[in-house]
N, C-alpha and C. Protein backbone atom coordinates (compact mmCIF):
# COMPACT_ATOMS: atom_id res chain seq x y z
N UNK A 1 35.53 45.16 -18.52
CA UNK A 1 34.24 44.50 -18.59
C UNK A 1 34.20 43.34 -17.60
N UNK A 2 33.10 43.22 -16.90
CA UNK A 2 32.94 42.17 -15.90
C UNK A 2 32.74 40.82 -16.59
N UNK A 3 33.40 39.80 -16.05
CA UNK A 3 33.27 38.46 -16.60
C UNK A 3 32.59 37.56 -15.58
N UNK A 4 32.01 36.47 -16.07
CA UNK A 4 31.37 35.52 -15.17
C UNK A 4 32.45 34.73 -14.44
N UNK A 5 32.34 34.70 -13.11
CA UNK A 5 33.36 34.06 -12.30
C UNK A 5 32.81 32.74 -11.75
N UNK A 6 33.65 31.72 -11.71
CA UNK A 6 33.24 30.42 -11.19
C UNK A 6 33.42 30.35 -9.67
N UNK A 7 34.12 31.31 -9.11
CA UNK A 7 34.35 31.35 -7.66
C UNK A 7 33.42 32.40 -7.06
N UNK A 8 32.73 32.00 -5.99
CA UNK A 8 31.77 32.89 -5.34
C UNK A 8 32.22 33.18 -3.91
N UNK A 9 31.63 34.20 -3.31
CA UNK A 9 31.91 34.56 -1.93
C UNK A 9 31.53 33.38 -1.03
N UNK A 10 32.43 33.03 -0.12
CA UNK A 10 32.18 31.92 0.80
C UNK A 10 32.78 30.60 0.36
N UNK A 11 33.21 30.48 -0.89
CA UNK A 11 33.85 29.26 -1.38
C UNK A 11 35.21 29.09 -0.72
N UNK A 12 35.64 27.84 -0.57
CA UNK A 12 36.98 27.55 -0.08
C UNK A 12 37.89 27.39 -1.29
N UNK A 13 39.00 28.11 -1.28
CA UNK A 13 39.95 28.07 -2.39
C UNK A 13 41.35 27.78 -1.88
N UNK A 14 42.21 27.30 -2.78
CA UNK A 14 43.61 27.06 -2.48
C UNK A 14 44.42 27.99 -3.36
N UNK A 15 45.37 28.71 -2.76
CA UNK A 15 46.23 29.62 -3.52
C UNK A 15 47.29 28.78 -4.22
N UNK A 16 47.38 28.91 -5.56
CA UNK A 16 48.30 28.07 -6.34
C UNK A 16 49.50 28.84 -6.86
N UNK A 17 49.57 30.15 -6.60
CA UNK A 17 50.71 30.95 -7.04
C UNK A 17 50.88 32.14 -6.11
N UNK A 18 52.11 32.60 -5.98
CA UNK A 18 52.39 33.79 -5.17
C UNK A 18 53.00 33.45 -3.82
N UNK A 19 53.12 34.46 -2.97
CA UNK A 19 53.75 34.30 -1.66
C UNK A 19 52.97 33.37 -0.74
N UNK A 20 51.66 33.32 -0.88
CA UNK A 20 50.82 32.50 -0.01
C UNK A 20 50.48 31.15 -0.63
N UNK A 21 51.31 30.67 -1.55
CA UNK A 21 51.07 29.42 -2.26
C UNK A 21 50.86 28.27 -1.27
N UNK A 22 49.79 27.50 -1.50
CA UNK A 22 49.50 26.35 -0.66
C UNK A 22 48.46 26.59 0.42
N UNK A 23 48.15 27.84 0.71
CA UNK A 23 47.16 28.15 1.74
C UNK A 23 45.76 27.85 1.24
N UNK A 24 44.91 27.34 2.15
CA UNK A 24 43.50 27.13 1.85
C UNK A 24 42.70 28.05 2.77
N UNK A 25 41.77 28.81 2.18
CA UNK A 25 40.97 29.74 2.97
C UNK A 25 39.69 30.10 2.22
N UNK A 26 38.80 30.82 2.91
CA UNK A 26 37.53 31.22 2.31
C UNK A 26 37.67 32.52 1.54
N UNK A 27 36.82 32.68 0.53
CA UNK A 27 36.76 33.91 -0.24
C UNK A 27 35.89 34.91 0.51
N UNK A 28 36.44 36.11 0.77
CA UNK A 28 35.73 37.15 1.50
C UNK A 28 34.96 38.05 0.55
N UNK A 29 35.56 38.34 -0.61
CA UNK A 29 34.96 39.27 -1.56
C UNK A 29 35.36 38.87 -2.98
N UNK A 30 34.45 39.09 -3.93
CA UNK A 30 34.71 38.81 -5.35
C UNK A 30 34.61 40.13 -6.11
N UNK A 31 35.63 40.41 -6.95
CA UNK A 31 35.67 41.64 -7.75
C UNK A 31 35.64 41.24 -9.23
N UNK A 32 34.44 41.06 -9.82
CA UNK A 32 34.36 40.59 -11.21
C UNK A 32 34.89 41.57 -12.25
N UNK A 33 34.85 42.87 -11.97
CA UNK A 33 35.34 43.86 -12.95
C UNK A 33 36.83 43.71 -13.21
N UNK A 34 37.59 43.34 -12.17
CA UNK A 34 39.03 43.20 -12.31
C UNK A 34 39.47 41.73 -12.29
N UNK A 35 38.52 40.79 -12.22
CA UNK A 35 38.80 39.34 -12.16
C UNK A 35 39.68 39.00 -10.96
N UNK A 36 39.34 39.53 -9.80
CA UNK A 36 40.12 39.30 -8.59
C UNK A 36 39.22 38.83 -7.45
N UNK A 37 39.84 38.17 -6.46
CA UNK A 37 39.14 37.75 -5.26
C UNK A 37 39.98 38.13 -4.04
N UNK A 38 39.29 38.41 -2.93
CA UNK A 38 39.97 38.67 -1.67
C UNK A 38 39.83 37.41 -0.84
N UNK A 39 40.97 36.82 -0.44
CA UNK A 39 40.99 35.56 0.31
C UNK A 39 41.39 35.85 1.75
N UNK A 40 40.66 35.24 2.68
CA UNK A 40 40.87 35.45 4.11
C UNK A 40 42.29 35.07 4.53
N UNK A 41 43.04 36.02 5.06
CA UNK A 41 44.38 35.76 5.58
C UNK A 41 45.48 35.66 4.55
N UNK A 42 45.20 35.96 3.29
CA UNK A 42 46.22 35.89 2.24
C UNK A 42 46.51 37.28 1.69
N UNK A 43 47.75 37.50 1.30
CA UNK A 43 48.22 38.78 0.76
C UNK A 43 47.89 39.93 1.72
N UNK A 44 48.29 39.75 2.97
CA UNK A 44 48.04 40.75 4.02
C UNK A 44 49.15 41.80 3.98
N UNK A 45 48.75 43.08 3.99
CA UNK A 45 49.70 44.19 3.99
C UNK A 45 49.38 45.11 5.17
N UNK A 46 50.40 45.84 5.62
CA UNK A 46 50.20 46.83 6.69
C UNK A 46 49.96 48.19 6.07
N UNK A 47 48.94 48.89 6.55
CA UNK A 47 48.63 50.22 6.05
C UNK A 47 48.72 51.20 7.21
N UNK A 48 49.40 52.30 7.00
CA UNK A 48 49.52 53.34 8.03
C UNK A 48 48.21 54.10 8.13
N UNK A 49 47.75 54.32 9.35
CA UNK A 49 46.50 55.06 9.60
C UNK A 49 46.85 56.37 10.28
N UNK A 50 46.40 57.49 9.69
CA UNK A 50 46.65 58.81 10.28
C UNK A 50 45.78 58.98 11.52
N UNK A 51 46.27 59.73 12.49
CA UNK A 51 45.44 60.03 13.66
C UNK A 51 44.18 60.82 13.25
N UNK A 52 43.06 60.48 13.86
CA UNK A 52 41.80 61.18 13.59
C UNK A 52 41.00 61.22 14.88
N UNK A 53 39.80 61.79 14.82
CA UNK A 53 38.96 61.86 16.02
C UNK A 53 38.58 60.47 16.51
N UNK A 54 38.24 59.58 15.58
CA UNK A 54 37.84 58.23 15.98
C UNK A 54 39.04 57.38 16.41
N UNK A 55 40.22 57.69 15.87
CA UNK A 55 41.43 56.94 16.21
C UNK A 55 42.54 57.96 16.53
N UNK A 56 42.57 58.50 17.76
CA UNK A 56 43.50 59.59 18.06
C UNK A 56 44.99 59.21 18.00
N UNK A 57 45.33 57.94 18.17
CA UNK A 57 46.73 57.53 18.15
C UNK A 57 47.23 57.21 16.74
N UNK A 58 46.34 56.86 15.83
CA UNK A 58 46.78 56.43 14.51
C UNK A 58 47.32 55.02 14.61
N UNK A 59 48.33 54.70 13.81
CA UNK A 59 48.96 53.38 13.90
C UNK A 59 48.92 52.64 12.57
N UNK A 60 48.86 51.31 12.67
CA UNK A 60 48.88 50.46 11.49
C UNK A 60 47.68 49.52 11.50
N UNK A 61 47.20 49.18 10.30
CA UNK A 61 46.10 48.23 10.15
C UNK A 61 46.52 47.17 9.14
N UNK A 62 46.14 45.92 9.39
CA UNK A 62 46.42 44.83 8.45
C UNK A 62 45.25 44.71 7.48
N UNK A 63 45.53 44.79 6.18
CA UNK A 63 44.51 44.69 5.14
C UNK A 63 44.79 43.49 4.24
N UNK A 64 43.72 42.85 3.75
CA UNK A 64 43.86 41.77 2.79
C UNK A 64 43.65 42.36 1.40
N UNK A 65 44.62 42.19 0.54
CA UNK A 65 44.55 42.71 -0.82
C UNK A 65 44.02 41.65 -1.78
N UNK A 66 43.47 42.05 -2.93
CA UNK A 66 42.93 41.08 -3.88
C UNK A 66 44.02 40.28 -4.60
N UNK A 67 43.64 39.04 -4.99
CA UNK A 67 44.49 38.13 -5.75
C UNK A 67 43.77 37.84 -7.06
N UNK A 68 44.49 37.75 -8.15
CA UNK A 68 43.86 37.44 -9.44
C UNK A 68 43.27 36.03 -9.38
N UNK A 69 42.13 35.88 -10.01
CA UNK A 69 41.38 34.62 -9.94
C UNK A 69 42.16 33.45 -10.55
N UNK A 70 43.11 33.73 -11.44
CA UNK A 70 43.91 32.65 -12.04
C UNK A 70 44.91 32.07 -11.05
N UNK A 71 45.14 32.74 -9.93
CA UNK A 71 46.10 32.29 -8.93
C UNK A 71 45.44 31.50 -7.79
N UNK A 72 44.15 31.21 -7.90
CA UNK A 72 43.46 30.41 -6.91
C UNK A 72 42.70 29.28 -7.60
N UNK A 73 42.52 28.18 -6.87
CA UNK A 73 41.76 27.04 -7.37
C UNK A 73 40.69 26.67 -6.36
N UNK A 74 39.48 26.42 -6.83
CA UNK A 74 38.37 26.07 -5.96
C UNK A 74 38.61 24.68 -5.39
N UNK A 75 38.40 24.54 -4.07
CA UNK A 75 38.54 23.24 -3.40
C UNK A 75 37.15 22.64 -3.26
N UNK A 76 36.99 21.44 -3.78
CA UNK A 76 35.69 20.77 -3.68
C UNK A 76 35.46 20.32 -2.25
N UNK A 77 34.19 20.20 -1.85
CA UNK A 77 33.84 19.83 -0.48
C UNK A 77 34.48 18.53 -0.03
N UNK A 78 34.96 18.53 1.22
CA UNK A 78 35.65 17.35 1.74
C UNK A 78 34.70 16.48 2.50
């Protein structure tokens, strides 16, 4: 069930737990059904891309994965 989130797209947040602890960045996407947010430049993973017509060589792409909302804190305007 989707819950009301206090963090919105475009807000600046600080990561308070996990590998990216201490980073401050903007929220790119909010996922209320799973209580997660995607933060710019945090929790970046490499994904293998198969060769296709649009990308004949294939290769790797860097993706930002979601972080649980309890692991970020909203930063008030400076």
